[in-house]
């Protein structure tokens, strides 16, 4: 993988992972059911995008060794 493309993908994945983590930890004390469902829906959407990126990289012959962990365990924060 070209270095410029690897840097782009690494940055993109990192940004999405941060949004994923944020959707798990950033909520008010008195979060209503509607707000919670919205937040968890966003969390699943970020997870889905990360999984799609990982699947596409694998289908094109790239391994996680080139970039690192991409897809977290759903509902768990990803550590870097």
C-alpha atoms as a PDB file:
ATOM      1  CA  UNK A   1       0.000   0.000   0.000  1.00  0.00           C
ATOM      2  CA  UNK A   2       1.342   3.411  -0.894  1.00  0.00           C
ATOM      3  CA  UNK A   3       2.439   5.456   2.092  1.00  0.00           C
ATOM      4  CA  UNK A   4       0.112   8.372   1.292  1.00  0.00           C
ATOM      5  CA  UNK A   5      -2.914   6.059   0.997  1.00  0.00           C
ATOM      6  CA  UNK A   6      -1.965   4.255   4.212  1.00  0.00           C
ATOM      7  CA  UNK A   7      -1.758   7.599   6.052  1.00  0.00           C
ATOM      8  CA  UNK A   8      -5.138   8.633   4.667  1.00  0.00           C
ATOM      9  CA  UNK A   9      -6.804   5.372   5.717  1.00  0.00           C
ATOM     10  CA  UNK A  10      -5.146   5.424   9.147  1.00  0.00           C
ATOM     11  CA  UNK A  11      -6.381   8.976   9.788  1.00  0.00           C
ATOM     12  CA  UNK A  12      -9.879   8.207   8.484  1.00  0.00           C
ATOM     13  CA  UNK A  13     -10.161   5.075  10.621  1.00  0.00           C
ATOM     14  CA  UNK A  14      -8.883   6.941  13.677  1.00  0.00           C
ATOM     15  CA  UNK A  15     -11.483   9.696  13.218  1.00  0.00           C
ATOM     16  CA  UNK A  16     -14.326   7.192  12.885  1.00  0.00           C
ATOM     17  CA  UNK A  17     -13.061   5.235  15.902  1.00  0.00           C
ATOM     18  CA  UNK A  18     -13.047   8.427  17.974  1.00  0.00           C
ATOM     19  CA  UNK A  19     -16.653   9.128  16.986  1.00  0.00           C
ATOM     20  CA  UNK A  20     -17.515   5.513  17.833  1.00  0.00           C
ATOM     21  CA  UNK A  21     -15.936   5.845  21.300  1.00  0.00           C
ATOM     22  CA  UNK A  22     -17.573   9.223  21.848  1.00  0.00           C
ATOM     23  CA  UNK A  23     -21.009   7.768  21.132  1.00  0.00           C
ATOM     24  CA  UNK A  24     -20.444   5.249  23.940  1.00  0.00           C
ATOM     25  CA  UNK A  25     -19.273   7.704  26.569  1.00  0.00           C
ATOM     26  CA  UNK A  26     -20.849  11.065  25.902  1.00  0.00           C
ATOM     27  CA  UNK A  27     -24.353  11.171  27.283  1.00  0.00           C
ATOM     28  CA  UNK A  28     -26.162  13.229  29.925  1.00  0.00           C
ATOM     29  CA  UNK A  29     -27.093  11.752  33.313  1.00  0.00           C
ATOM     30  CA  UNK A  30     -30.780  11.916  32.518  1.00  0.00           C
ATOM     31  CA  UNK A  31     -30.684  10.619  28.997  1.00  0.00           C
ATOM     32  CA  UNK A  32     -34.145   9.830  27.696  1.00  0.00           C
ATOM     33  CA  UNK A  33     -35.026   6.699  25.782  1.00  0.00           C
ATOM     34  CA  UNK A  34     -35.187   8.555  22.454  1.00  0.00           C
ATOM     35  CA  UNK A  35     -31.760  10.139  22.984  1.00  0.00           C
ATOM     36  CA  UNK A  36     -30.264   6.812  24.064  1.00  0.00           C
ATOM     37  CA  UNK A  37     -31.670   5.019  21.020  1.00  0.00           C
ATOM     38  CA  UNK A  38     -30.315   7.748  18.740  1.00  0.00           C
ATOM     39  CA  UNK A  39     -26.854   7.588  20.363  1.00  0.00           C
ATOM     40  CA  UNK A  40     -26.729   3.798  20.162  1.00  0.00           C
ATOM     41  CA  UNK A  41     -27.906   3.950  16.548  1.00  0.00           C
ATOM     42  CA  UNK A  42     -25.036   6.309  15.765  1.00  0.00           C
ATOM     43  CA  UNK A  43     -22.681   3.943  17.576  1.00  0.00           C
ATOM     44  CA  UNK A  44     -23.849   1.042  15.412  1.00  0.00           C
ATOM     45  CA  UNK A  45     -23.484   3.151  12.261  1.00  0.00           C
ATOM     46  CA  UNK A  46     -19.843   3.968  13.125  1.00  0.00           C
ATOM     47  CA  UNK A  47     -19.242   0.273  13.868  1.00  0.00           C
ATOM     48  CA  UNK A  48     -20.798  -0.686  10.526  1.00  0.00           C
ATOM     49  CA  UNK A  49     -18.557   1.745   8.619  1.00  0.00           C
ATOM     50  CA  UNK A  50     -15.434   0.468  10.391  1.00  0.00           C
ATOM     51  CA  UNK A  51     -16.410  -3.116   9.622  1.00  0.00           C
ATOM     52  CA  UNK A  52     -17.013  -2.222   5.970  1.00  0.00           C
ATOM     53  CA  UNK A  53     -13.583  -0.578   5.682  1.00  0.00           C
ATOM     54  CA  UNK A  54     -11.934  -3.623   7.256  1.00  0.00           C
ATOM     55  CA  UNK A  55     -13.787  -6.057   4.990  1.00  0.00           C
ATOM     56  CA  UNK A  56     -12.859  -4.076   1.892  1.00  0.00           C
ATOM     57  CA  UNK A  57      -9.192  -3.915   2.868  1.00  0.00           C
ATOM     58  CA  UNK A  58      -9.166  -7.678   3.390  1.00  0.00           C
ATOM     59  CA  UNK A  59     -10.923  -8.318   0.084  1.00  0.00           C
ATOM     60  CA  UNK A  60      -8.229  -6.294  -1.689  1.00  0.00           C
ATOM     61  CA  UNK A  61      -5.482  -8.298   0.010  1.00  0.00           C
ATOM     62  CA  UNK A  62      -4.410  -5.907   2.764  1.00  0.00           C
ATOM     63  CA  UNK A  63      -3.973  -7.159   6.305  1.00  0.00           C
ATOM     64  CA  UNK A  64      -4.667  -5.422   9.599  1.00  0.00           C
ATOM     65  CA  UNK A  65      -0.916  -5.487  10.179  1.00  0.00           C
ATOM     66  CA  UNK A  66      -0.649  -2.569   7.757  1.00  0.00           C
ATOM     67  CA  UNK A  67      -3.059  -0.383   9.729  1.00  0.00           C
ATOM     68  CA  UNK A  68      -3.835  -1.985  13.092  1.00  0.00           C
ATOM     69  CA  UNK A  69      -7.130  -2.875  14.721  1.00  0.00           C
ATOM     70  CA  UNK A  70     -10.011  -1.385  12.773  1.00  0.00           C
ATOM     71  CA  UNK A  71     -13.286  -2.848  14.012  1.00  0.00           C
ATOM     72  CA  UNK A  72     -13.967  -2.862  17.761  1.00  0.00           C
ATOM     73  CA  UNK A  73     -16.133  -5.314  19.650  1.00  0.00           C
ATOM     74  CA  UNK A  74     -19.619  -3.835  19.287  1.00  0.00           C
ATOM     75  CA  UNK A  75     -20.571  -1.840  22.370  1.00  0.00           C
ATOM     76  CA  UNK A  76     -17.016  -1.758  23.756  1.00  0.00           C
ATOM     77  CA  UNK A  77     -14.654   1.175  23.445  1.00  0.00           C
ATOM     78  CA  UNK A  78     -11.707   0.664  21.139  1.00  0.00           C
ATOM     79  CA  UNK A  79      -8.305   1.330  22.645  1.00  0.00           C
ATOM     80  CA  UNK A  80      -5.483   2.649  20.558  1.00  0.00           C
END
